[in-house]
Structures are given as structure tokens and as C-alpha cells.
Amino acid sequence: MANIKSAKKRILVNRTKAERNKAIRSGVKTSIKKVTAAIEANDKAAAVKALAAASSTIGKAASKGVYHKNTASRKISRLAHAVNKMA
């Protein structure tokens, strides 16, 4: 355990940020699962709607620094490719 006051604060701040990042990542995974479920159900309209929501969620996560911008772009691209392949 840290003895220095600033080190104790760092531990608390890091824990808070880790919880925030975990919540954001969880939201991204949920939105990706919704797109995947719509694709498996062969529901194009729902998949397109879920894709828009997922793209927004992933973009916000990237802007907050939870994901690297290239990782976010890759995730969005793969989802879009899967939705476009349905037709």
C-alpha cells in the first residue's frame, strides 16, 4: 500500500477511471451483440438501426480514449461490412 498522499490519490483516481472504462467497453460490447443478433435473425432494418447506434457508441468510446481510433474504425468497419453483406 502506498504511503505518500499523491500515490494514494493516484490509486483512487486509477480505480475510478478503470471502472468508467469498463462500463464504456461493456456498452460497446452490448451494442455489437445487438448488431450481430439482428444479422443472425436476418433482419436488415433492425441491423441497420443497430449499426447506427453501435457506430455512435464506438465513436464516443474512441473520443474518450477508451479505444484507439484505429481499433474503433476497425470495429465499425467490420460491423458495416457484415450488415452490407446481408443483402
N, C-alpha and C. Protein backbone atom coordinates (compact mmCIF):
# COMPACT_ATOMS: atom_id res chain seq x y z
N MET A 1 0.84 -1.19 0.00
CA MET A 1 0.00 0.00 0.00
C MET A 1 0.87 1.24 0.00
N ALA A 2 0.44 2.24 -0.72
CA ALA A 2 1.20 3.48 -0.83
C ALA A 2 1.16 4.26 0.47
N ASN A 3 2.25 4.96 0.76
CA ASN A 3 2.32 5.81 1.95
C ASN A 3 2.20 7.29 1.62
N ILE A 4 2.62 7.66 0.42
CA ILE A 4 2.62 9.06 0.02
C ILE A 4 1.21 9.46 -0.42
N LYS A 5 0.81 10.67 -0.01
CA LYS A 5 -0.55 11.14 -0.26
C LYS A 5 -0.89 11.15 -1.75
N SER A 6 0.03 11.62 -2.58
CA SER A 6 -0.24 11.69 -4.02
C SER A 6 -0.37 10.29 -4.63
N ALA A 7 0.38 9.34 -4.10
CA ALA A 7 0.29 7.95 -4.59
C ALA A 7 -1.05 7.33 -4.21
N LYS A 8 -1.54 7.67 -3.00
CA LYS A 8 -2.85 7.18 -2.56
C LYS A 8 -3.95 7.75 -3.47
N LYS A 9 -3.81 9.03 -3.81
CA LYS A 9 -4.79 9.66 -4.69
C LYS A 9 -4.75 8.99 -6.07
N ARG A 10 -3.58 8.73 -6.59
CA ARG A 10 -3.43 8.05 -7.89
C ARG A 10 -4.18 6.74 -7.89
N ILE A 11 -4.04 5.97 -6.81
CA ILE A 11 -4.72 4.68 -6.72
C ILE A 11 -6.23 4.87 -6.84
N LEU A 12 -6.76 5.86 -6.12
CA LEU A 12 -8.20 6.12 -6.16
C LEU A 12 -8.65 6.58 -7.55
N VAL A 13 -7.88 7.48 -8.14
CA VAL A 13 -8.24 8.01 -9.46
C VAL A 13 -8.17 6.91 -10.52
N ASN A 14 -7.14 6.08 -10.44
CA ASN A 14 -7.00 4.98 -11.41
C ASN A 14 -8.15 4.00 -11.29
N ARG A 15 -8.57 3.73 -10.06
CA ARG A 15 -9.69 2.81 -9.85
C ARG A 15 -10.97 3.39 -10.46
N THR A 16 -11.19 4.68 -10.24
CA THR A 16 -12.38 5.35 -10.79
C THR A 16 -12.37 5.29 -12.31
N LYS A 17 -11.22 5.61 -12.91
CA LYS A 17 -11.12 5.61 -14.37
C LYS A 17 -11.27 4.21 -14.93
N ALA A 18 -10.73 3.21 -14.23
CA ALA A 18 -10.85 1.82 -14.70
C ALA A 18 -12.31 1.39 -14.71
N GLU A 19 -13.07 1.77 -13.68
CA GLU A 19 -14.49 1.43 -13.63
C GLU A 19 -15.26 2.11 -14.76
N ARG A 20 -14.92 3.37 -15.04
CA ARG A 20 -15.57 4.11 -16.12
C ARG A 20 -15.27 3.44 -17.46
N ASN A 21 -14.00 3.10 -17.68
CA ASN A 21 -13.61 2.46 -18.93
C ASN A 21 -14.29 1.11 -19.10
N LYS A 22 -14.41 0.37 -18.00
CA LYS A 22 -15.06 -0.94 -18.05
C LYS A 22 -16.52 -0.80 -18.45
N ALA A 23 -17.19 0.23 -17.90
CA ALA A 23 -18.60 0.46 -18.22
C ALA A 23 -18.76 0.82 -19.70
N ILE A 24 -17.86 1.66 -20.20
CA ILE A 24 -17.93 2.07 -21.61
C ILE A 24 -17.68 0.87 -22.53
N ARG A 25 -16.66 0.06 -22.20
CA ARG A 25 -16.36 -1.13 -23.00
C ARG A 25 -17.54 -2.09 -23.01
N SER A 26 -18.17 -2.23 -21.86
CA SER A 26 -19.34 -3.11 -21.75
C SER A 26 -20.47 -2.63 -22.66
N GLY A 27 -20.67 -1.33 -22.70
CA GLY A 27 -21.69 -0.75 -23.57
C GLY A 27 -21.41 -1.01 -25.03
N VAL A 28 -20.14 -0.91 -25.39
CA VAL A 28 -19.74 -1.17 -26.78
C VAL A 28 -20.01 -2.64 -27.13
N LYS A 29 -19.63 -3.54 -26.24
CA LYS A 29 -19.86 -4.96 -26.49
C LYS A 29 -21.35 -5.27 -26.65
N THR A 30 -22.17 -4.64 -25.81
CA THR A 30 -23.62 -4.84 -25.89
C THR A 30 -24.16 -4.37 -27.24
N SER A 31 -23.71 -3.20 -27.69
CA SER A 31 -24.19 -2.68 -28.97
C SER A 31 -23.74 -3.56 -30.13
N ILE A 32 -22.54 -4.12 -30.04
CA ILE A 32 -22.05 -5.03 -31.08
C ILE A 32 -22.90 -6.30 -31.10
N LYS A 33 -23.24 -6.80 -29.91
CA LYS A 33 -24.07 -8.01 -29.82
C LYS A 33 -25.45 -7.79 -30.43
N LYS A 34 -26.00 -6.56 -30.27
CA LYS A 34 -27.31 -6.26 -30.86
C LYS A 34 -27.24 -6.30 -32.38
N VAL A 35 -26.16 -5.78 -32.95
CA VAL A 35 -26.00 -5.82 -34.41
C VAL A 35 -25.87 -7.27 -34.87
N THR A 36 -25.04 -8.03 -34.16
CA THR A 36 -24.82 -9.44 -34.51
C THR A 36 -26.13 -10.23 -34.42
N ALA A 37 -26.92 -9.98 -33.39
CA ALA A 37 -28.20 -10.68 -33.22
C ALA A 37 -29.14 -10.35 -34.37
N ALA A 38 -29.17 -9.09 -34.79
CA ALA A 38 -30.03 -8.70 -35.92
C ALA A 38 -29.58 -9.35 -37.21
N ILE A 39 -28.26 -9.48 -37.38
CA ILE A 39 -27.73 -10.13 -38.59
C ILE A 39 -28.11 -11.61 -38.60
N GLU A 40 -27.96 -12.25 -37.45
CA GLU A 40 -28.30 -13.68 -37.37
C GLU A 40 -29.80 -13.93 -37.55
N ALA A 41 -30.61 -12.96 -37.13
CA ALA A 41 -32.05 -13.08 -37.32
C ALA A 41 -32.47 -12.71 -38.74
N ASN A 42 -31.50 -12.26 -39.53
CA ASN A 42 -31.70 -11.87 -40.93
C ASN A 42 -32.69 -10.71 -41.05
N ASP A 43 -32.61 -9.78 -40.11
CA ASP A 43 -33.48 -8.61 -40.09
C ASP A 43 -32.66 -7.38 -40.49
N LYS A 44 -32.70 -7.05 -41.77
CA LYS A 44 -31.87 -5.97 -42.33
C LYS A 44 -32.18 -4.61 -41.69
N ALA A 45 -33.46 -4.29 -41.52
CA ALA A 45 -33.84 -2.99 -40.96
C ALA A 45 -33.32 -2.83 -39.54
N ALA A 46 -33.48 -3.86 -38.73
CA ALA A 46 -33.00 -3.81 -37.35
C ALA A 46 -31.48 -3.75 -37.31
N ALA A 47 -30.84 -4.45 -38.23
CA ALA A 47 -29.38 -4.46 -38.27
C ALA A 47 -28.83 -3.07 -38.61
N VAL A 48 -29.48 -2.40 -39.57
CA VAL A 48 -29.04 -1.05 -39.96
C VAL A 48 -29.22 -0.08 -38.80
N LYS A 49 -30.35 -0.20 -38.11
CA LYS A 49 -30.62 0.67 -36.96
C LYS A 49 -29.62 0.40 -35.84
N ALA A 50 -29.37 -0.87 -35.56
CA ALA A 50 -28.41 -1.24 -34.51
C ALA A 50 -27.00 -0.82 -34.89
N LEU A 51 -26.68 -0.87 -36.18
CA LEU A 51 -25.36 -0.46 -36.65
C LEU A 51 -25.13 1.03 -36.39
N ALA A 52 -26.14 1.83 -36.64
CA ALA A 52 -26.02 3.27 -36.39
C ALA A 52 -25.77 3.54 -34.91
N ALA A 53 -26.49 2.85 -34.05
CA ALA A 53 -26.32 3.01 -32.61
C ALA A 53 -24.94 2.53 -32.16
N ALA A 54 -24.51 1.39 -32.71
CA ALA A 54 -23.21 0.84 -32.35
C ALA A 54 -22.07 1.75 -32.81
N SER A 55 -22.20 2.30 -34.02
CA SER A 55 -21.17 3.21 -34.54
C SER A 55 -21.02 4.42 -33.63
N SER A 56 -22.15 4.94 -33.17
CA SER A 56 -22.14 6.08 -32.26
C SER A 56 -21.46 5.72 -30.94
N THR A 57 -21.82 4.58 -30.39
CA THR A 57 -21.25 4.14 -29.12
C THR A 57 -19.74 3.93 -29.23
N ILE A 58 -19.32 3.29 -30.31
CA ILE A 58 -17.89 3.01 -30.51
C ILE A 58 -17.13 4.32 -30.73
N GLY A 59 -17.71 5.22 -31.51
CA GLY A 59 -17.07 6.52 -31.75
C GLY A 59 -16.90 7.32 -30.47
N LYS A 60 -17.91 7.30 -29.61
CA LYS A 60 -17.81 8.01 -28.33
C LYS A 60 -16.73 7.39 -27.45
N ALA A 61 -16.65 6.05 -27.47
CA ALA A 61 -15.62 5.37 -26.67
C ALA A 61 -14.22 5.76 -27.16
N ALA A 62 -14.07 5.89 -28.48
CA ALA A 62 -12.77 6.27 -29.04
C ALA A 62 -12.43 7.71 -28.68
N SER A 63 -13.43 8.59 -28.72
CA SER A 63 -13.17 10.00 -28.42
C SER A 63 -12.81 10.20 -26.95
N LYS A 64 -13.28 9.29 -26.09
CA LYS A 64 -12.95 9.38 -24.66
C LYS A 64 -11.65 8.67 -24.33
N GLY A 65 -11.04 8.04 -25.32
CA GLY A 65 -9.75 7.41 -25.09
C GLY A 65 -9.83 5.99 -24.58
N VAL A 66 -11.03 5.41 -24.59
CA VAL A 66 -11.17 4.02 -24.13
C VAL A 66 -10.62 3.07 -25.19
N TYR A 67 -10.89 3.39 -26.45
CA TYR A 67 -10.35 2.63 -27.58
C TYR A 67 -9.46 3.54 -28.40
N HIS A 68 -8.44 2.98 -29.04
CA HIS A 68 -7.63 3.71 -30.01
C HIS A 68 -8.50 3.96 -31.23
N LYS A 69 -8.27 5.06 -31.92
CA LYS A 69 -9.14 5.42 -33.05
C LYS A 69 -9.12 4.37 -34.15
N ASN A 70 -7.98 3.72 -34.37
CA ASN A 70 -7.92 2.68 -35.40
C ASN A 70 -8.71 1.44 -34.99
N THR A 71 -8.68 1.13 -33.71
CA THR A 71 -9.46 -0.01 -33.20
C THR A 71 -10.95 0.26 -33.39
N ALA A 72 -11.36 1.47 -33.06
CA ALA A 72 -12.76 1.85 -33.22
C ALA A 72 -13.17 1.78 -34.69
N SER A 73 -12.32 2.31 -35.57
CA SER A 73 -12.61 2.28 -37.00
C SER A 73 -12.72 0.84 -37.51
N ARG A 74 -11.85 -0.02 -37.03
CA ARG A 74 -11.87 -1.42 -37.44
C ARG A 74 -13.16 -2.10 -37.00
N LYS A 75 -13.58 -1.85 -35.76
CA LYS A 75 -14.81 -2.45 -35.26
C LYS A 75 -16.02 -1.98 -36.08
N ILE A 76 -16.10 -0.68 -36.33
CA ILE A 76 -17.21 -0.13 -37.11
C ILE A 76 -17.20 -0.70 -38.52
N SER A 77 -16.01 -0.78 -39.12
CA SER A 77 -15.89 -1.28 -40.49
C SER A 77 -16.34 -2.73 -40.59
N ARG A 78 -15.95 -3.54 -39.64
CA ARG A 78 -16.33 -4.96 -39.67
C ARG A 78 -17.84 -5.14 -39.51
N LEU A 79 -18.42 -4.33 -38.63
CA LEU A 79 -19.88 -4.40 -38.45
C LEU A 79 -20.61 -3.96 -39.73
N ALA A 80 -20.15 -2.85 -40.30
CA ALA A 80 -20.77 -2.33 -41.52
C ALA A 80 -20.65 -3.34 -42.65
N HIS A 81 -19.50 -3.97 -42.76
CA HIS A 81 -19.28 -4.97 -43.81
C HIS A 81 -20.26 -6.13 -43.63
N ALA A 82 -20.45 -6.57 -42.40
CA ALA A 82 -21.35 -7.69 -42.13
C ALA A 82 -22.80 -7.31 -42.45
N VAL A 83 -23.18 -6.09 -42.12
CA VAL A 83 -24.55 -5.65 -42.41
C VAL A 83 -24.75 -5.51 -43.91
N ASN A 84 -23.79 -4.92 -44.61
CA ASN A 84 -23.90 -4.74 -46.06
C ASN A 84 -23.92 -6.06 -46.81
N LYS A 85 -23.27 -7.07 -46.23
CA LYS A 85 -23.20 -8.39 -46.87
C LYS A 85 -24.55 -9.12 -46.78
N MET A 86 -25.46 -8.64 -45.93
CA MET A 86 -26.76 -9.32 -45.77
C MET A 86 -27.59 -9.29 -47.04
N ALA A 87 -27.52 -8.21 -47.80
CA ALA A 87 -28.36 -8.05 -48.99
C ALA A 87 -27.97 -9.05 -50.06
